Amino acid sequence: MDAEPRREDPRPRRPLARAAAWCLAAGLVLAAAAVACLALGAINPRQAIALAIPSILLTAGGVIVVALPDPMTARRQGFRAGLRVGSLARRWRSIFRR
C-alpha cells in the first residue's frame, strides 16, 4: 500500500489526430482537384464524381477522427457528455412525438 497515486500526463495524447489532419487535408486537395479539372474541361462529370467520392470519404473520416476524443479524455469528460446526450435525446423524443 506504499504505491504512489498514478499521475496522468497533463498534455493530451492524440496520436490519431495527426493522421486525421493529413486525411482531411488530402480529401480537401482531392476535392479541389476534381472541381478544378471539371471546370477546365479536362474530365467529364462522371470522372469528377469518381474523384469526389474518395475525397468525401477522406474528408469525413478526418473530421470524425479529429472530433472524437482519445480514450483518456473520453473517460474524464464522459459524465458531462452523457448528460448532454441525455438532454438532447430527450428533446429529440419530444420533437418526434408530436
Protein backbone atom coordinates (compact mmCIF):
# COMPACT_ATOMS: atom_id res chain seq x y z
CA MET A 1 0.00 0.00 0.00
CA ASP A 2 3.03 2.27 -0.33
CA ALA A 3 2.37 2.83 -4.00
CA GLU A 4 2.12 6.42 -5.13
CA PRO A 5 -1.02 7.53 -6.94
CA ARG A 6 -0.69 7.33 -10.68
CA ARG A 7 -0.20 10.76 -12.17
CA GLU A 8 -1.63 11.46 -15.58
CA ASP A 9 0.26 13.40 -18.19
CA PRO A 10 -1.44 16.83 -18.42
CA ARG A 11 -0.72 17.02 -22.16
CA PRO A 12 -3.38 15.38 -24.27
CA ARG A 13 -2.19 12.44 -26.33
CA ARG A 14 -3.82 12.32 -29.70
CA PRO A 15 -1.77 10.01 -31.92
CA LEU A 16 -4.57 9.72 -34.45
CA ALA A 17 -5.14 13.47 -34.68
CA ARG A 18 -2.10 14.00 -36.89
CA ALA A 19 -3.13 11.21 -39.27
CA ALA A 20 -6.68 12.53 -39.30
CA ALA A 21 -5.44 16.00 -40.18
CA TRP A 22 -3.49 14.56 -43.10
CA CYS A 23 -6.58 12.66 -44.28
CA LEU A 24 -8.63 15.82 -44.01
CA ALA A 25 -6.06 17.81 -46.00
CA ALA A 26 -5.76 15.09 -48.65
CA GLY A 27 -9.53 14.97 -49.03
CA LEU A 28 -9.77 18.72 -49.46
CA VAL A 29 -6.95 18.75 -52.02
CA LEU A 30 -8.54 15.90 -53.95
CA ALA A 31 -11.91 17.66 -53.94
CA ALA A 32 -10.32 20.89 -55.15
CA ALA A 33 -8.50 18.99 -57.89
CA ALA A 34 -11.74 17.34 -59.03
CA VAL A 35 -13.55 20.68 -59.18
CA ALA A 36 -10.67 22.38 -60.98
CA CYS A 37 -10.32 19.61 -63.55
CA LEU A 38 -14.06 19.64 -64.18
CA ALA A 39 -14.09 23.43 -64.54
CA LEU A 40 -11.20 23.31 -67.02
CA GLY A 41 -12.92 20.59 -69.02
CA ALA A 42 -10.11 18.09 -68.51
CA ILE A 43 -12.51 15.43 -67.22
CA ASN A 44 -16.17 14.67 -67.71
CA PRO A 45 -18.75 14.79 -64.87
CA ARG A 46 -18.65 11.03 -64.32
CA GLN A 47 -14.90 11.15 -63.74
CA ALA A 48 -15.33 14.15 -61.43
CA ILE A 49 -17.80 12.15 -59.34
CA ALA A 50 -15.34 9.24 -59.28
CA LEU A 51 -12.69 11.63 -57.91
CA ALA A 52 -15.09 13.25 -55.47
CA ILE A 53 -16.16 10.02 -53.73
CA PRO A 54 -12.70 9.28 -52.22
CA SER A 55 -12.32 12.93 -51.29
CA ILE A 56 -15.64 12.83 -49.42
CA LEU A 57 -14.59 9.67 -47.57
CA LEU A 58 -11.19 11.11 -46.66
CA THR A 59 -12.67 14.40 -45.50
CA ALA A 60 -15.47 12.79 -43.48
CA GLY A 61 -13.09 10.29 -41.90
CA GLY A 62 -10.65 13.03 -40.95
CA VAL A 63 -13.37 15.19 -39.41
CA ILE A 64 -14.81 12.26 -37.44
CA VAL A 65 -11.43 11.19 -36.03
CA VAL A 66 -10.46 14.76 -35.15
CA ALA A 67 -13.80 15.34 -33.44
CA LEU A 68 -13.67 12.17 -31.32
CA PRO A 69 -11.64 12.42 -28.11
CA ASP A 70 -8.94 9.96 -27.15
CA PRO A 71 -9.87 7.33 -24.52
CA MET A 72 -8.30 9.17 -21.56
CA THR A 73 -10.12 12.41 -22.37
CA ALA A 74 -13.31 10.48 -23.02
CA ARG A 75 -13.15 8.97 -19.54
CA ARG A 76 -12.65 12.38 -17.95
CA GLN A 77 -15.42 14.04 -19.92
CA GLY A 78 -17.77 11.08 -20.13
CA PHE A 79 -20.16 12.12 -17.42
CA ARG A 80 -20.72 15.61 -18.80
CA ALA A 81 -21.08 14.26 -22.32
CA GLY A 82 -23.62 11.73 -21.09
CA LEU A 83 -25.69 14.47 -19.54
CA ARG A 84 -25.62 16.48 -22.77
CA VAL A 85 -26.57 13.47 -24.90
CA GLY A 86 -29.36 12.59 -22.49
CA SER A 87 -30.86 16.06 -22.68
CA LEU A 88 -30.50 16.10 -26.47
CA ALA A 89 -32.17 12.70 -26.75
CA ARG A 90 -35.00 13.90 -24.52
CA ARG A 91 -35.50 16.92 -26.81
CA TRP A 92 -35.50 14.76 -29.92
CA ARG A 93 -38.03 12.39 -28.40
CA SER A 94 -40.32 15.28 -27.52
CA ILE A 95 -40.00 16.68 -31.06
CA PHE A 96 -40.66 13.37 -32.80
CA ARG A 97 -43.64 12.51 -30.58
CA ARG A 98 -45.57 15.50 -31.91
